[in-house]
C-alpha atoms as a PDB file:
ATOM      1  CA  ILE A   1      -8.231 -20.351  -5.879  1.00  0.00           C
ATOM      2  CA  LYS A   2      -8.149 -23.644  -6.999  1.00  0.00           C
ATOM      3  CA  SER A   3     -10.595 -22.719  -9.827  1.00  0.00           C
ATOM      4  CA  LYS A   4     -12.185 -19.852 -12.032  1.00  0.00           C
ATOM      5  CA  TYR A   5     -15.904 -21.622 -11.901  1.00  0.00           C
ATOM      6  CA  VAL A   6     -17.561 -18.601 -11.403  1.00  0.00           C
ATOM      7  CA  ARG A   7     -19.159 -20.604  -8.287  1.00  0.00           C
ATOM      8  CA  GLU A   8     -16.072 -20.075  -6.958  1.00  0.00           C
ATOM      9  CA  ILE A   9     -15.420 -16.454  -7.262  1.00  0.00           C
ATOM     10  CA  ALA A  10     -19.226 -15.772  -5.588  1.00  0.00           C
ATOM     11  CA  ASP A  11     -18.137 -17.473  -3.397  1.00  0.00           C
ATOM     12  CA  ILE A  12     -14.750 -16.785  -1.745  1.00  0.00           C
ATOM     13  CA  LEU A  13     -16.633 -13.105  -2.602  1.00  0.00           C
ATOM     14  CA  ILE A  14     -18.947 -13.936   0.389  1.00  0.00           C
ATOM     15  CA  GLU A  15     -15.806 -14.859   2.605  1.00  0.00           C
ATOM     16  CA  TYR A  16     -14.639 -12.290   2.481  1.00  0.00           C
ATOM     17  CA  ILE A  17     -17.005  -9.717   2.917  1.00  0.00           C
ATOM     18  CA  THR A  18     -18.648 -11.694   5.614  1.00  0.00           C
ATOM     19  CA  LEU A  19     -15.249 -12.235   6.790  1.00  0.00           C
ATOM     20  CA  PHE A  20     -14.572  -8.599   6.289  1.00  0.00           C
ATOM     21  CA  GLY A  21     -17.264  -6.791   5.935  1.00  0.00           C
ATOM     22  CA  PRO A  22     -18.402  -5.414   2.277  1.00  0.00           C
ATOM     23  CA  PHE A  23     -15.832  -3.100  -0.405  1.00  0.00           C
ATOM     24  CA  SER A  24     -16.769  -0.293  -2.544  1.00  0.00           C
ATOM     25  CA  GLU A  25     -15.694  -1.255  -5.256  1.00  0.00           C
ATOM     26  CA  LEU A  26     -14.355  -4.088  -6.891  1.00  0.00           C
ATOM     27  CA  LEU A  27     -11.432  -4.512  -9.556  1.00  0.00           C
ATOM     28  CA  SER A  28     -11.376  -6.908 -11.691  1.00  0.00           C
ATOM     29  CA  ASP A  29     -10.214  -8.592 -15.553  1.00  0.00           C
ATOM     30  CA  GLN A  30     -12.250  -9.421 -18.217  1.00  0.00           C
ATOM     31  CA  GLY A  31     -12.426 -12.819 -17.255  1.00  0.00           C
ATOM     32  CA  LYS A  32     -15.773 -14.158 -17.328  1.00  0.00           C
ATOM     33  CA  GLU A  33     -15.471 -14.978 -13.779  1.00  0.00           C
ATOM     34  CA  PHE A  34     -15.972 -11.884 -13.110  1.00  0.00           C
ATOM     35  CA  ASN A  35     -18.394 -11.035 -15.594  1.00  0.00           C
ATOM     36  CA  ASN A  36     -21.914 -13.176 -15.097  1.00  0.00           C
ATOM     37  CA  GLN A  37     -25.095 -13.403 -13.610  1.00  0.00           C
ATOM     38  CA  ILE A  38     -23.898 -14.368 -10.046  1.00  0.00           C
ATOM     39  CA  ILE A  39     -21.239 -11.236  -9.863  1.00  0.00           C
ATOM     40  CA  GLU A  40     -24.565  -8.899 -11.258  1.00  0.00           C
ATOM     41  CA  GLN A  41     -26.094  -9.997  -8.399  1.00  0.00           C
ATOM     42  CA  LEU A  42     -24.056  -9.675  -5.654  1.00  0.00           C
ATOM     43  CA  LYS A  43     -23.025  -5.749  -7.027  1.00  0.00           C
ATOM     44  CA  ASN A  44     -26.680  -4.908  -7.508  1.00  0.00           C
ATOM     45  CA  SER A  45     -27.089  -6.394  -3.702  1.00  0.00           C
ATOM     46  CA  LEU A  46     -24.677  -4.743  -1.909  1.00  0.00           C
ATOM     47  CA  GLY A  47     -24.085  -1.647  -3.491  1.00  0.00           C
ATOM     48  CA  PHE A  48     -20.616  -2.138  -4.879  1.00  0.00           C
ATOM     49  CA  ILE A  49     -18.999  -0.736  -8.080  1.00  0.00           C
ATOM     50  CA  HIS A  50     -16.862  -3.306 -10.260  1.00  0.00           C
ATOM     51  CA  ILE A  51     -14.010  -1.771 -12.184  1.00  0.00           C
ATOM     52  CA  VAL A  52     -12.823  -3.847 -15.011  1.00  0.00           C
ATOM     53  CA  THR A  53      -9.805  -3.045 -16.308  1.00  0.00           C
ATOM     54  CA  SER A  54      -8.097  -2.519 -19.980  1.00  0.00           C
ATOM     55  CA  ALA A  55      -7.180  -5.497 -22.060  1.00  0.00           C
ATOM     56  CA  TYR A  56      -4.345  -6.721 -22.611  1.00  0.00           C
ATOM     57  CA  ASN A  57      -2.940  -2.850 -20.025  1.00  0.00           C
ATOM     58  CA  PRO A  58      -1.455  -4.499 -17.284  1.00  0.00           C
ATOM     59  CA  ARG A  59      -0.697  -1.405 -15.334  1.00  0.00           C
ATOM     60  CA  THR A  60      -4.188  -0.536 -15.320  1.00  0.00           C
ATOM     61  CA  ASN A  61      -3.946  -3.147 -11.774  1.00  0.00           C
ATOM     62  CA  GLY A  62      -0.312  -2.101 -11.033  1.00  0.00           C
ATOM     63  CA  LYS A  63      -0.543  -2.499  -7.489  1.00  0.00           C
ATOM     64  CA  THR A  64      -1.734  -6.205  -8.054  1.00  0.00           C
ATOM     65  CA  GLU A  65       0.984  -6.543 -11.241  1.00  0.00           C
ATOM     66  CA  ARG A  66       3.427  -5.174  -8.541  1.00  0.00           C
ATOM     67  CA  PHE A  67       2.655  -7.878  -5.546  1.00  0.00           C
ATOM     68  CA  ASN A  68       2.520  -9.843  -7.876  1.00  0.00           C
ATOM     69  CA  GLN A  69       5.831 -10.114  -9.741  1.00  0.00           C
ATOM     70  CA  THR A  70       7.224  -9.162  -5.564  1.00  0.00           C
ATOM     71  CA  PHE A  71       5.648 -12.609  -4.458  1.00  0.00           C
ATOM     72  CA  ILE A  72       6.590 -14.471  -7.268  1.00  0.00           C
ATOM     73  CA  GLU A  73      11.035 -13.996  -6.460  1.00  0.00           C
ATOM     74  CA  SER A  74      10.329 -13.882  -2.480  1.00  0.00           C
ATOM     75  CA  LEU A  75       8.130 -17.298  -3.660  1.00  0.00           C
ATOM     76  CA  THR A  76      11.228 -18.383  -5.820  1.00  0.00           C
ATOM     77  CA  LYS A  77      14.248 -17.651  -3.156  1.00  0.00           C
ATOM     78  CA  HIS A  78      12.450 -20.037  -0.741  1.00  0.00           C
ATOM     79  CA  ALA A  79      11.269 -22.687  -3.048  1.00  0.00           C
ATOM     80  CA  ASP A  80      14.513 -22.398  -4.931  1.00  0.00           C
ATOM     81  CA  SER A  81      15.895 -25.090  -2.786  1.00  0.00           C
ATOM     82  CA  ASP A  82      12.872 -27.840  -3.278  1.00  0.00           C
ATOM     83  CA  ARG A  83      10.412 -26.744  -6.254  1.00  0.00           C
ATOM     84  CA  LYS A  84       8.078 -30.130  -6.088  1.00  0.00           C
ATOM     85  CA  ASN A  85       6.539 -28.391  -2.085  1.00  0.00           C
ATOM     86  CA  TRP A  86       6.719 -24.848  -3.434  1.00  0.00           C
ATOM     87  CA  PRO A  87       2.710 -24.470  -1.666  1.00  0.00           C
ATOM     88  CA  LYS A  88       4.077 -24.550   1.752  1.00  0.00           C
ATOM     89  CA  PHE A  89       6.031 -22.222   1.962  1.00  0.00           C
ATOM     90  CA  LEU A  90       3.471 -19.147   0.719  1.00  0.00           C
ATOM     91  CA  PRO A  91       2.311 -18.560   4.460  1.00  0.00           C
ATOM     92  CA  PHE A  92       6.074 -18.044   5.319  1.00  0.00           C
ATOM     93  CA  VAL A  93       5.953 -15.042   2.461  1.00  0.00           C
ATOM     94  CA  LEU A  94       2.941 -13.753   2.251  1.00  0.00           C
ATOM     95  CA  MET A  95       3.641 -13.776   6.941  1.00  0.00           C
ATOM     96  CA  THR A  96       7.063 -11.744   5.395  1.00  0.00           C
ATOM     97  CA  TYR A  97       5.293  -9.365   2.875  1.00  0.00           C
ATOM     98  CA  ARG A  98       2.340  -8.788   5.727  1.00  0.00           C
ATOM     99  CA  SER A  99       5.146  -7.801   7.880  1.00  0.00           C
ATOM    100  CA  ARG A 100       7.341  -5.168   6.032  1.00  0.00           C
ATOM    101  CA  VAL A 101       6.975  -2.084   6.179  1.00  0.00           C
ATOM    102  CA  HIS A 102       5.391   0.279   3.268  1.00  0.00           C
ATOM    103  CA  THR A 103       6.919   2.383   1.195  1.00  0.00           C
ATOM    104  CA  VAL A 104       3.618   4.017   1.036  1.00  0.00           C
ATOM    105  CA  THR A 105       2.138   4.177   3.843  1.00  0.00           C
ATOM    106  CA  GLY A 106       4.668   3.675   6.218  1.00  0.00           C
ATOM    107  CA  TYR A 107       2.756   0.319   8.447  1.00  0.00           C
ATOM    108  CA  THR A 108       2.950  -2.615   7.353  1.00  0.00           C
ATOM    109  CA  GLN A 109      -0.444  -4.510   6.147  1.00  0.00           C
ATOM    110  CA  PHE A 110      -0.904  -7.073   9.608  1.00  0.00           C
ATOM    111  CA  GLU A 111      -0.161  -3.341  11.378  1.00  0.00           C
ATOM    112  CA  LEU A 112      -3.154  -1.371   9.050  1.00  0.00           C
ATOM    113  CA  MET A 113      -5.351  -4.589  10.189  1.00  0.00           C
ATOM    114  CA  PHE A 114      -5.752  -5.941  12.930  1.00  0.00           C
ATOM    115  CA  GLY A 115      -4.234  -2.081  14.494  1.00  0.00           C
ATOM    116  CA  ARG A 116      -1.055  -3.608  16.582  1.00  0.00           C
ATOM    117  CA  LYS A 117       2.264  -4.006  15.267  1.00  0.00           C
ATOM    118  CA  MET A 118       3.116  -8.266  14.806  1.00  0.00           C
ATOM    119  CA  LEU A 119       4.904 -10.265  17.476  1.00  0.00           C
ATOM    120  CA  PRO A 120       8.411 -11.596  16.211  1.00  0.00           C
ATOM    121  CA  PHE A 121       8.340 -15.582  16.598  1.00  0.00           C
ATOM    122  CA  LYS A 122      10.673 -15.068  20.471  1.00  0.00           C
ATOM    123  CA  ASP A 123       8.393 -13.110  21.837  1.00  0.00           C
ATOM    124  CA  TRP A 124       4.861 -15.490  21.300  1.00  0.00           C
ATOM    125  CA  ALA A 125       5.224 -17.374  24.114  1.00  0.00           C
ATOM    126  CA  ASN A 126       6.296 -14.149  26.636  1.00  0.00           C
ATOM    127  CA  SER A 127       2.978 -13.603  28.981  1.00  0.00           C
ATOM    128  CA  GLU A 128       5.300  -9.721  29.447  1.00  0.00           C
ATOM    129  CA  ASN A 129       2.828  -9.108  26.242  1.00  0.00           C
ATOM    130  CA  GLU A 130       0.233 -10.390  27.455  1.00  0.00           C
ATOM    131  CA  VAL A 131      -3.069  -7.101  27.709  1.00  0.00           C
ATOM    132  CA  GLY A 132      -4.562  -7.623  31.307  1.00  0.00           C
ATOM    133  CA  ASP A 133      -7.145  -4.725  30.737  1.00  0.00           C
ATOM    134  CA  ILE A 134      -9.232  -5.031  27.171  1.00  0.00           C
ATOM    135  CA  LEU A 135     -10.520  -2.348  27.085  1.00  0.00           C
ATOM    136  CA  GLU A 136      -7.374  -0.132  27.780  1.00  0.00           C
ATOM    137  CA  ARG A 137      -6.164  -2.531  24.575  1.00  0.00           C
ATOM    138  CA  ALA A 138      -9.391  -1.527  22.635  1.00  0.00           C
ATOM    139  CA  ASN A 139      -8.972   1.477  22.905  1.00  0.00           C
ATOM    140  CA  GLU A 140      -4.994   1.855  22.362  1.00  0.00           C
ATOM    141  CA  ILE A 141      -6.566  -0.365  19.095  1.00  0.00           C
ATOM    142  CA  LYS A 142      -8.656   2.276  18.875  1.00  0.00           C
ATOM    143  CA  HIS A 143      -6.267   5.332  18.179  1.00  0.00           C
ATOM    144  CA  LEU A 144      -3.746   3.497  16.720  1.00  0.00           C
ATOM    145  CA  PHE A 145      -6.880   2.238  13.499  1.00  0.00           C
ATOM    146  CA  ASP A 146      -7.975   6.327  14.286  1.00  0.00           C
ATOM    147  CA  TYR A 147      -4.500   6.961  13.116  1.00  0.00           C
ATOM    148  CA  THR A 148      -2.899   4.950  10.924  1.00  0.00           C
ATOM    149  CA  HIS A 149      -6.211   4.729   8.697  1.00  0.00           C
ATOM    150  CA  PRO A 150      -6.141   8.046   7.210  1.00  0.00           C
ATOM    151  CA  LYS A 151      -3.124   8.404   6.596  1.00  0.00           C
ATOM    152  CA  ALA A 152      -2.969   4.844   5.210  1.00  0.00           C
ATOM    153  CA  ILE A 153      -6.431   6.338   2.804  1.00  0.00           C
ATOM    154  CA  GLU A 154      -4.094   9.908   1.824  1.00  0.00           C
ATOM    155  CA  SER A 155      -1.139   7.284   0.376  1.00  0.00           C
ATOM    156  CA  ILE A 156      -2.730   4.984  -1.469  1.00  0.00           C
END
């Protein structure tokens, strides 16, 4: 996010919703970018609940704070040799994080999102990994989702 302007935050939320569908809860801090008329209109239109964390209490948003800690440590290690160009490391640090098995869910974020394991780089061009029958692959994804989604929700 380039700024904390209200309009930019609202645009990002709309982009997220059009990509992933509506959410039931929005957890935010007490910043003005989340507590305003535009967010209130979105909340009323889409029907989500807006939960505001306590001031000066980062534990309220513990999952995000933990992710930020892990993310900053990893980014620092990667960008240590090239501090000016740290943004170029962002996609790779995030990819690594998304491909690690989470201790709570037992799955990677990638698996929960896409219903399959992330292929390592060497396998991307391997034609053996292509699925010929689209219906078969759709059934595999549905089965994996039906199996993993309840477990992930239970664990979170």
